[in-house]
Amino acid sequence: MINIWGKVFIDEKITKHHVVSVQPSECTFFDMIKQLCEGLDIPTPVLLNKHILDFNKFSMTLFKPTDFIEHVTFDKFIVEYLPEE
């Protein structure tokens, strides 16, 4: 089980955040992003290879408003891996 933290930023301040716990063998990276977005009540972004590579390399990835098909009112959406304590 891993924890993924999604944060929505406006003017460099976190305005919403949500954590999901998922079993990586049971869902895809897109499924994780979709669960986060549903919990934050925001649209699901377009997932590019860049996002997957960044997450694998840096344990986080950044979505800009241009990564969403629908209009969003925030500046960025960051998805980050939370290591177990």
PDB file of N, CA and C in Angstrom:
ATOM      1  N   MET A   1       0.848  -1.173   0.000  1.00  0.00           N
ATOM      2  CA  MET A   1       0.000   0.000   0.000  1.00  0.00           C
ATOM      3  C   MET A   1       0.900   1.245   0.000  1.00  0.00           C
ATOM      4  N   ILE A   2       0.598   2.184  -0.884  1.00  0.00           N
ATOM      5  CA  ILE A   2       1.346   3.440  -0.918  1.00  0.00           C
ATOM      6  C   ILE A   2       0.377   4.613  -0.770  1.00  0.00           C
ATOM      7  N   ASN A   3       0.902   5.716  -0.276  1.00  0.00           N
ATOM      8  CA  ASN A   3       0.112   6.930  -0.099  1.00  0.00           C
ATOM      9  C   ASN A   3       0.551   7.970  -1.118  1.00  0.00           C
ATOM     10  N   ILE A   4      -0.432   8.584  -1.772  1.00  0.00           N
ATOM     11  CA  ILE A   4      -0.178   9.627  -2.757  1.00  0.00           C
ATOM     12  C   ILE A   4      -0.908  10.884  -2.286  1.00  0.00           C
ATOM     13  N   TRP A   5      -0.190  12.012  -2.289  1.00  0.00           N
ATOM     14  CA  TRP A   5      -0.729  13.280  -1.787  1.00  0.00           C
ATOM     15  C   TRP A   5      -0.922  14.231  -2.957  1.00  0.00           C
ATOM     16  N   GLY A   6      -2.119  14.717  -3.121  1.00  0.00           N
ATOM     17  CA  GLY A   6      -2.415  15.701  -4.155  1.00  0.00           C
ATOM     18  C   GLY A   6      -2.637  17.064  -3.523  1.00  0.00           C
ATOM     19  N   LYS A   7      -1.994  18.109  -4.091  1.00  0.00           N
ATOM     20  CA  LYS A   7      -2.108  19.467  -3.546  1.00  0.00           C
ATOM     21  C   LYS A   7      -2.473  20.433  -4.660  1.00  0.00           C
ATOM     22  N   VAL A   8      -3.443  21.289  -4.391  1.00  0.00           N
ATOM     23  CA  VAL A   8      -3.874  22.318  -5.334  1.00  0.00           C
ATOM     24  C   VAL A   8      -3.360  23.657  -4.816  1.00  0.00           C
ATOM     25  N   PHE A   9      -2.710  24.424  -5.700  1.00  0.00           N
ATOM     26  CA  PHE A   9      -2.107  25.694  -5.301  1.00  0.00           C
ATOM     27  C   PHE A   9      -2.752  26.875  -6.020  1.00  0.00           C
ATOM     28  N   ILE A  10      -2.959  27.951  -5.273  1.00  0.00           N
ATOM     29  CA  ILE A  10      -3.315  29.255  -5.836  1.00  0.00           C
ATOM     30  C   ILE A  10      -2.368  30.254  -5.194  1.00  0.00           C
ATOM     31  N   ASP A  11      -1.653  31.006  -6.018  1.00  0.00           N
ATOM     32  CA  ASP A  11      -0.672  31.994  -5.535  1.00  0.00           C
ATOM     33  C   ASP A  11       0.323  31.383  -4.547  1.00  0.00           C
ATOM     34  N   GLU A  12       0.833  30.207  -4.889  1.00  0.00           N
ATOM     35  CA  GLU A  12       1.857  29.501  -4.103  1.00  0.00           C
ATOM     36  C   GLU A  12       1.378  29.061  -2.717  1.00  0.00           C
ATOM     37  N   LYS A  13       0.072  28.997  -2.496  1.00  0.00           N
ATOM     38  CA  LYS A  13      -0.485  28.521  -1.229  1.00  0.00           C
ATOM     39  C   LYS A  13      -1.363  27.310  -1.506  1.00  0.00           C
ATOM     40  N   ILE A  14      -1.241  26.309  -0.630  1.00  0.00           N
ATOM     41  CA  ILE A  14      -2.081  25.129  -0.770  1.00  0.00           C
ATOM     42  C   ILE A  14      -3.507  25.505  -0.383  1.00  0.00           C
ATOM     43  N   THR A  15      -4.437  25.310  -1.326  1.00  0.00           N
ATOM     44  CA  THR A  15      -5.838  25.630  -1.049  1.00  0.00           C
ATOM     45  C   THR A  15      -6.670  24.378  -0.793  1.00  0.00           C
ATOM     46  N   LYS A  16      -6.228  23.244  -1.343  1.00  0.00           N
ATOM     47  CA  LYS A  16      -6.879  21.950  -1.116  1.00  0.00           C
ATOM     48  C   LYS A  16      -5.800  20.885  -1.118  1.00  0.00           C
ATOM     49  N   HIS A  17      -6.038  19.833  -0.358  1.00  0.00           N
ATOM     50  CA  HIS A  17      -5.140  18.682  -0.437  1.00  0.00           C
ATOM     51  C   HIS A  17      -5.912  17.426  -0.073  1.00  0.00           C
ATOM     52  N   HIS A  18      -5.412  16.307  -0.574  1.00  0.00           N
ATOM     53  CA  HIS A  18      -6.091  15.031  -0.339  1.00  0.00           C
ATOM     54  C   HIS A  18      -5.048  13.917  -0.461  1.00  0.00           C
ATOM     55  N   VAL A  19      -5.181  12.902   0.372  1.00  0.00           N
ATOM     56  CA  VAL A  19      -4.279  11.744   0.328  1.00  0.00           C
ATOM     57  C   VAL A  19      -5.102  10.502   0.003  1.00  0.00           C
ATOM     58  N   VAL A  20      -4.592   9.693  -0.907  1.00  0.00           N
ATOM     59  CA  VAL A  20      -5.206   8.396  -1.193  1.00  0.00           C
ATOM     60  C   VAL A  20      -4.194   7.302  -0.928  1.00  0.00           C
ATOM     61  N   SER A  21      -4.680   6.190  -0.412  1.00  0.00           N
ATOM     62  CA  SER A  21      -3.863   4.991  -0.212  1.00  0.00           C
ATOM     63  C   SER A  21      -4.277   3.976  -1.252  1.00  0.00           C
ATOM     64  N   VAL A  22      -3.313   3.506  -2.013  1.00  0.00           N
ATOM     65  CA  VAL A  22      -3.620   2.573  -3.100  1.00  0.00           C
ATOM     66  C   VAL A  22      -2.652   1.399  -3.089  1.00  0.00           C
ATOM     67  N   GLN A  23      -3.121   0.326  -3.659  1.00  0.00           N
ATOM     68  CA  GLN A  23      -2.278  -0.841  -3.871  1.00  0.00           C
ATOM     69  C   GLN A  23      -1.778  -0.749  -5.313  1.00  0.00           C
ATOM     70  N   PRO A  24      -0.476  -0.483  -5.554  1.00  0.00           N
ATOM     71  CA  PRO A  24       0.018  -0.267  -6.908  1.00  0.00           C
ATOM     72  C   PRO A  24      -0.245  -1.431  -7.863  1.00  0.00           C
ATOM     73  N   SER A  25      -0.318  -2.628  -7.353  1.00  0.00           N
ATOM     74  CA  SER A  25      -0.554  -3.778  -8.224  1.00  0.00           C
ATOM     75  C   SER A  25      -2.013  -3.855  -8.687  1.00  0.00           C
ATOM     76  N   GLU A  26      -2.881  -3.086  -8.049  1.00  0.00           N
ATOM     77  CA  GLU A  26      -4.309  -3.155  -8.368  1.00  0.00           C
ATOM     78  C   GLU A  26      -4.809  -1.975  -9.180  1.00  0.00           C
ATOM     79  N   CYS A  27      -3.986  -0.955  -9.406  1.00  0.00           N
ATOM     80  CA  CYS A  27      -4.451   0.195 -10.183  1.00  0.00           C
ATOM     81  C   CYS A  27      -3.281   0.844 -10.927  1.00  0.00           C
ATOM     82  N   THR A  28      -3.629   1.626 -11.930  1.00  0.00           N
ATOM     83  CA  THR A  28      -2.610   2.317 -12.721  1.00  0.00           C
ATOM     84  C   THR A  28      -2.334   3.692 -12.135  1.00  0.00           C
ATOM     85  N   PHE A  29      -1.309   4.358 -12.642  1.00  0.00           N
ATOM     86  CA  PHE A  29      -0.992   5.710 -12.194  1.00  0.00           C
ATOM     87  C   PHE A  29      -2.163   6.642 -12.508  1.00  0.00           C
ATOM     88  N   PHE A  30      -2.787   6.456 -13.663  1.00  0.00           N
ATOM     89  CA  PHE A  30      -3.946   7.275 -14.017  1.00  0.00           C
ATOM     90  C   PHE A  30      -5.081   7.084 -13.010  1.00  0.00           C
ATOM     91  N   ASP A  31      -5.304   5.848 -12.559  1.00  0.00           N
ATOM     92  CA  ASP A  31      -6.345   5.580 -11.559  1.00  0.00           C
ATOM     93  C   ASP A  31      -6.055   6.329 -10.253  1.00  0.00           C
ATOM     94  N   MET A  32      -4.779   6.389  -9.871  1.00  0.00           N
ATOM     95  CA  MET A  32      -4.391   7.125  -8.664  1.00  0.00           C
ATOM     96  C   MET A  32      -4.700   8.617  -8.817  1.00  0.00           C
ATOM     97  N   ILE A  33      -4.340   9.170  -9.976  1.00  0.00           N
ATOM     98  CA  ILE A  33      -4.592  10.589 -10.240  1.00  0.00           C
ATOM     99  C   ILE A  33      -6.097  10.859 -10.230  1.00  0.00           C
ATOM    100  N   LYS A  34      -6.851   9.965 -10.837  1.00  0.00           N
ATOM    101  CA  LYS A  34      -8.307  10.122 -10.891  1.00  0.00           C
ATOM    102  C   LYS A  34      -8.915  10.107  -9.494  1.00  0.00           C
ATOM    103  N   GLN A  35      -8.457   9.213  -8.633  1.00  0.00           N
ATOM    104  CA  GLN A  35      -8.948   9.162  -7.251  1.00  0.00           C
ATOM    105  C   GLN A  35      -8.636  10.449  -6.503  1.00  0.00           C
ATOM    106  N   LEU A  36      -7.418  10.975  -6.698  1.00  0.00           N
ATOM    107  CA  LEU A  36      -7.049  12.240  -6.060  1.00  0.00           C
ATOM    108  C   LEU A  36      -7.956  13.371  -6.531  1.00  0.00           C
ATOM    109  N   CYS A  37      -8.165  13.446  -7.827  1.00  0.00           N
ATOM    110  CA  CYS A  37      -8.983  14.521  -8.399  1.00  0.00           C
ATOM    111  C   CYS A  37     -10.425  14.436  -7.924  1.00  0.00           C
ATOM    112  N   GLU A  38     -10.952  13.227  -7.811  1.00  0.00           N
ATOM    113  CA  GLU A  38     -12.309  13.063  -7.300  1.00  0.00           C
ATOM    114  C   GLU A  38     -12.392  13.538  -5.853  1.00  0.00           C
ATOM    115  N   GLY A  39     -11.383  13.219  -5.058  1.00  0.00           N
ATOM    116  CA  GLY A  39     -11.353  13.657  -3.662  1.00  0.00           C
ATOM    117  C   GLY A  39     -11.203  15.161  -3.515  1.00  0.00           C
ATOM    118  N   LEU A  40     -10.562  15.799  -4.482  1.00  0.00           N
ATOM    119  CA  LEU A  40     -10.353  17.251  -4.459  1.00  0.00           C
ATOM    120  C   LEU A  40     -11.450  18.005  -5.213  1.00  0.00           C
ATOM    121  N   ASP A  41     -12.329  17.276  -5.881  1.00  0.00           N
ATOM    122  CA  ASP A  41     -13.392  17.856  -6.696  1.00  0.00           C
ATOM    123  C   ASP A  41     -12.832  18.785  -7.779  1.00  0.00           C
ATOM    124  N   ILE A  42     -11.826  18.265  -8.496  1.00  0.00           N
ATOM    125  CA  ILE A  42     -11.247  18.983  -9.634  1.00  0.00           C
ATOM    126  C   ILE A  42     -11.284  18.052 -10.844  1.00  0.00           C
ATOM    127  N   PRO A  43     -11.202  18.604 -12.062  1.00  0.00           N
ATOM    128  CA  PRO A  43     -11.170  17.729 -13.247  1.00  0.00           C
ATOM    129  C   PRO A  43      -9.898  16.889 -13.279  1.00  0.00           C
ATOM    130  N   THR A  44      -9.955  15.785 -13.981  1.00  0.00           N
ATOM    131  CA  THR A  44      -8.775  14.931 -14.152  1.00  0.00           C
ATOM    132  C   THR A  44      -7.934  15.488 -15.287  1.00  0.00           C
ATOM    133  N   PRO A  45      -6.620  15.668 -15.058  1.00  0.00           N
ATOM    134  CA  PRO A  45      -5.761  16.219 -16.119  1.00  0.00           C
ATOM    135  C   PRO A  45      -5.426  15.190 -17.188  1.00  0.00           C
ATOM    136  N   VAL A  46      -4.882  15.680 -18.283  1.00  0.00           N
ATOM    137  CA  VAL A  46      -4.346  14.807 -19.319  1.00  0.00           C
ATOM    138  C   VAL A  46      -3.007  14.286 -18.806  1.00  0.00           C
ATOM    139  N   LEU A  47      -2.838  12.986 -18.808  1.00  0.00           N
ATOM    140  CA  LEU A  47      -1.625  12.368 -18.293  1.00  0.00           C
ATOM    141  C   LEU A  47      -0.662  12.119 -19.449  1.00  0.00           C
ATOM    142  N   LEU A  48       0.511  12.725 -19.363  1.00  0.00           N
ATOM    143  CA  LEU A  48       1.543  12.574 -20.393  1.00  0.00           C
ATOM    144  C   LEU A  48       2.684  11.718 -19.862  1.00  0.00           C
ATOM    145  N   ASN A  49       3.503  11.217 -20.759  1.00  0.00           N
ATOM    146  CA  ASN A  49       4.683  10.446 -20.336  1.00  0.00           C
ATOM    147  C   ASN A  49       5.569  11.256 -19.409  1.00  0.00           C
ATOM    148  N   LYS A  50       5.661  12.557 -19.640  1.00  0.00           N
ATOM    149  CA  LYS A  50       6.470  13.440 -18.800  1.00  0.00           C
ATOM    150  C   LYS A  50       6.038  13.347 -17.338  1.00  0.00           C
ATOM    151  N   HIS A  51       4.735  13.301 -17.092  1.00  0.00           N
ATOM    152  CA  HIS A  51       4.229  13.227 -15.719  1.00  0.00           C
ATOM    153  C   HIS A  51       4.632  11.905 -15.058  1.00  0.00           C
ATOM    154  N   ILE A  52       4.521  10.830 -15.805  1.00  0.00           N
ATOM    155  CA  ILE A  52       4.884   9.516 -15.268  1.00  0.00           C
ATOM    156  C   ILE A  52       6.387   9.441 -15.006  1.00  0.00           C
ATOM    157  N   LEU A  53       7.187   9.924 -15.942  1.00  0.00           N
ATOM    158  CA  LEU A  53       8.648   9.912 -15.764  1.00  0.00           C
ATOM    159  C   LEU A  53       9.074  10.775 -14.587  1.00  0.00           C
ATOM    160  N   ASP A  54       8.482  11.962 -14.457  1.00  0.00           N
ATOM    161  CA  ASP A  54       8.811  12.835 -13.320  1.00  0.00           C
ATOM    162  C   ASP A  54       8.453  12.174 -11.995  1.00  0.00           C
ATOM    163  N   PHE A  55       7.288  11.529 -11.941  1.00  0.00           N
ATOM    164  CA  PHE A  55       6.877  10.867 -10.706  1.00  0.00           C
ATOM    165  C   PHE A  55       7.830   9.725 -10.362  1.00  0.00           C
ATOM    166  N   ASN A  56       8.212   8.946 -11.358  1.00  0.00           N
ATOM    167  CA  ASN A  56       9.136   7.830 -11.118  1.00  0.00           C
ATOM    168  C   ASN A  56      10.514   8.308 -10.708  1.00  0.00           C
ATOM    169  N   LYS A  57      10.974   9.413 -11.276  1.00  0.00           N
ATOM    170  CA  LYS A  57      12.319   9.910 -10.996  1.00  0.00           C
ATOM    171  C   LYS A  57      12.395  10.750  -9.720  1.00  0.00           C
ATOM    172  N   PHE A  58      11.383  11.607  -9.507  1.00  0.00           N
ATOM    173  CA  PHE A  58      11.440  12.574  -8.398  1.00  0.00           C
ATOM    174  C   PHE A  58      10.406  12.324  -7.301  1.00  0.00           C
ATOM    175  N   SER A  59       9.585  11.283  -7.440  1.00  0.00           N
ATOM    176  CA  SER A  59       8.497  10.974  -6.505  1.00  0.00           C
ATOM    177  C   SER A  59       7.461  12.092  -6.438  1.00  0.00           C
ATOM    178  N   MET A  60       7.373  12.886  -7.486  1.00  0.00           N
ATOM    179  CA  MET A  60       6.352  13.928  -7.579  1.00  0.00           C
ATOM    180  C   MET A  60       6.216  14.358  -9.030  1.00  0.00           C
ATOM    181  N   THR A  61       5.080  14.939  -9.351  1.00  0.00           N
ATOM    182  CA  THR A  61       4.870  15.502 -10.676  1.00  0.00           C
ATOM    183  C   THR A  61       3.956  16.709 -10.569  1.00  0.00           C
ATOM    184  N   LEU A  62       4.061  17.589 -11.537  1.00  0.00           N
ATOM    185  CA  LEU A  62       3.338  18.857 -11.533  1.00  0.00           C
ATOM    186  C   LEU A  62       2.411  18.924 -12.737  1.00  0.00           C
ATOM    187  N   PHE A  63       1.174  19.298 -12.484  1.00  0.00           N
ATOM    188  CA  PHE A  63       0.206  19.546 -13.544  1.00  0.00           C
ATOM    189  C   PHE A  63      -0.113  21.037 -13.554  1.00  0.00           C
ATOM    190  N   LYS A  64       0.003  21.657 -14.716  1.00  0.00           N
ATOM    191  CA  LYS A  64      -0.329  23.069 -14.899  1.00  0.00           C
ATOM    192  C   LYS A  64      -1.755  23.166 -15.438  1.00  0.00           C
ATOM    193  N   PRO A  65      -2.356  24.351 -15.392  1.00  0.00           N
ATOM    194  CA  PRO A  65      -3.715  24.499 -15.948  1.00  0.00           C
ATOM    195  C   PRO A  65      -3.820  24.064 -17.413  1.00  0.00           C
ATOM    196  N   THR A  66      -2.740  24.176 -18.164  1.00  0.00           N
ATOM    197  CA  THR A  66      -2.770  23.757 -19.569  1.00  0.00           C
ATOM    198  C   THR A  66      -2.836  22.238 -19.729  1.00  0.00           C
ATOM    199  N   ASP A  67      -2.610  21.488 -18.645  1.00  0.00           N
ATOM    200  CA  ASP A  67      -2.708  20.027 -18.687  1.00  0.00           C
ATOM    201  C   ASP A  67      -4.143  19.540 -18.500  1.00  0.00           C
ATOM    202  N   PHE A  68      -5.070  20.462 -18.306  1.00  0.00           N
ATOM    203  CA  PHE A  68      -6.474  20.126 -18.110  1.00  0.00           C
ATOM    204  C   PHE A  68      -7.272  20.545 -19.336  1.00  0.00           C
ATOM    205  N   ILE A  69      -8.210  19.716 -19.739  1.00  0.00           N
ATOM    206  CA  ILE A  69      -9.079  20.069 -20.856  1.00  0.00           C
ATOM    207  C   ILE A  69     -10.111  21.091 -20.400  1.00  0.00           C
ATOM    208  N   GLU A  70     -10.637  20.884 -19.200  1.00  0.00           N
ATOM    209  CA  GLU A  70     -11.609  21.816 -18.634  1.00  0.00           C
ATOM    210  C   GLU A  70     -10.887  23.006 -18.015  1.00  0.00           C
ATOM    211  N   HIS A  71     -11.587  24.115 -17.906  1.00  0.00           N
ATOM    212  CA  HIS A  71     -11.017  25.313 -17.283  1.00  0.00           C
ATOM    213  C   HIS A  71     -10.859  25.076 -15.779  1.00  0.00           C
ATOM    214  N   VAL A  72      -9.699  25.438 -15.242  1.00  0.00           N
ATOM    215  CA  VAL A  72      -9.453  25.330 -13.799  1.00  0.00           C
ATOM    216  C   VAL A  72      -9.077  26.707 -13.264  1.00  0.00           C
ATOM    217  N   THR A  73      -9.327  26.919 -11.989  1.00  0.00           N
ATOM    218  CA  THR A  73      -9.075  28.229 -11.384  1.00  0.00           C
ATOM    219  C   THR A  73      -7.833  28.245 -10.505  1.00  0.00           C
ATOM    220  N   PHE A  74      -7.062  27.182 -10.518  1.00  0.00           N
ATOM    221  CA  PHE A  74      -5.850  27.135  -9.695  1.00  0.00           C
ATOM    222  C   PHE A  74      -4.610  27.239 -10.572  1.00  0.00           C
ATOM    223  N   ASP A  75      -3.451  27.460  -9.927  1.00  0.00           N
ATOM    224  CA  ASP A  75      -2.191  27.675 -10.633  1.00  0.00           C
ATOM    225  C   ASP A  75      -1.446  26.379 -10.934  1.00  0.00           C
ATOM    226  N   LYS A  76      -1.545  25.409 -10.009  1.00  0.00           N
ATOM    227  CA  LYS A  76      -0.862  24.130 -10.228  1.00  0.00           C
ATOM    228  C   LYS A  76      -1.452  23.056  -9.328  1.00  0.00           C
ATOM    229  N   PHE A  77      -1.250  21.829  -9.754  1.00  0.00           N
ATOM    230  CA  PHE A  77      -1.684  20.641  -9.023  1.00  0.00           C
ATOM    231  C   PHE A  77      -0.471  19.731  -8.933  1.00  0.00           C
ATOM    232  N   ILE A  78      -0.036  19.469  -7.722  1.00  0.00           N
ATOM    233  CA  ILE A  78       1.162  18.646  -7.505  1.00  0.00           C
ATOM    234  C   ILE A  78       0.746  17.317  -6.879  1.00  0.00           C
ATOM    235  N   VAL A  79       1.281  16.240  -7.432  1.00  0.00           N
ATOM    236  CA  VAL A  79       1.062  14.896  -6.914  1.00  0.00           C
ATOM    237  C   VAL A  79       2.393  14.395  -6.388  1.00  0.00           C
ATOM    238  N   GLU A  80       2.379  13.946  -5.139  1.00  0.00           N
ATOM    239  CA  GLU A  80       3.627  13.573  -4.459  1.00  0.00           C
ATOM    240  C   GLU A  80       3.464  12.244  -3.738  1.00  0.00           C
ATOM    241  N   TYR A  81       4.505  11.427  -3.784  1.00  0.00           N
ATOM    242  CA  TYR A  81       4.544  10.165  -3.044  1.00  0.00           C
ATOM    243  C   TYR A  81       4.857  10.458  -1.592  1.00  0.00           C
ATOM    244  N   LEU A  82       4.088   9.875  -0.684  1.00  0.00           N
ATOM    245  CA  LEU A  82       4.357  10.014   0.751  1.00  0.00           C
ATOM    246  C   LEU A  82       4.985   8.725   1.273  1.00  0.00           C
ATOM    247  N   PRO A  83       6.242   8.778   1.674  1.00  0.00           N
ATOM    248  CA  PRO A  83       6.865   7.554   2.191  1.00  0.00           C
ATOM    249  C   PRO A  83       6.234   7.143   3.528  1.00  0.00           C
ATOM    250  N   GLU A  84       6.241   5.863   3.782  1.00  0.00           N
ATOM    251  CA  GLU A  84       5.696   5.361   5.045  1.00  0.00           C
ATOM    252  C   GLU A  84       6.627   5.749   6.182  1.00  0.00           C
ATOM    253  N   GLU A  85       6.031   6.005   7.324  1.00  0.00           N
ATOM    254  CA  GLU A  85       6.838   6.404   8.500  1.00  0.00           C
ATOM    255  C   GLU A  85       7.307   5.203   9.261  1.00  0.00           C
TER     256      GLU A  85
END
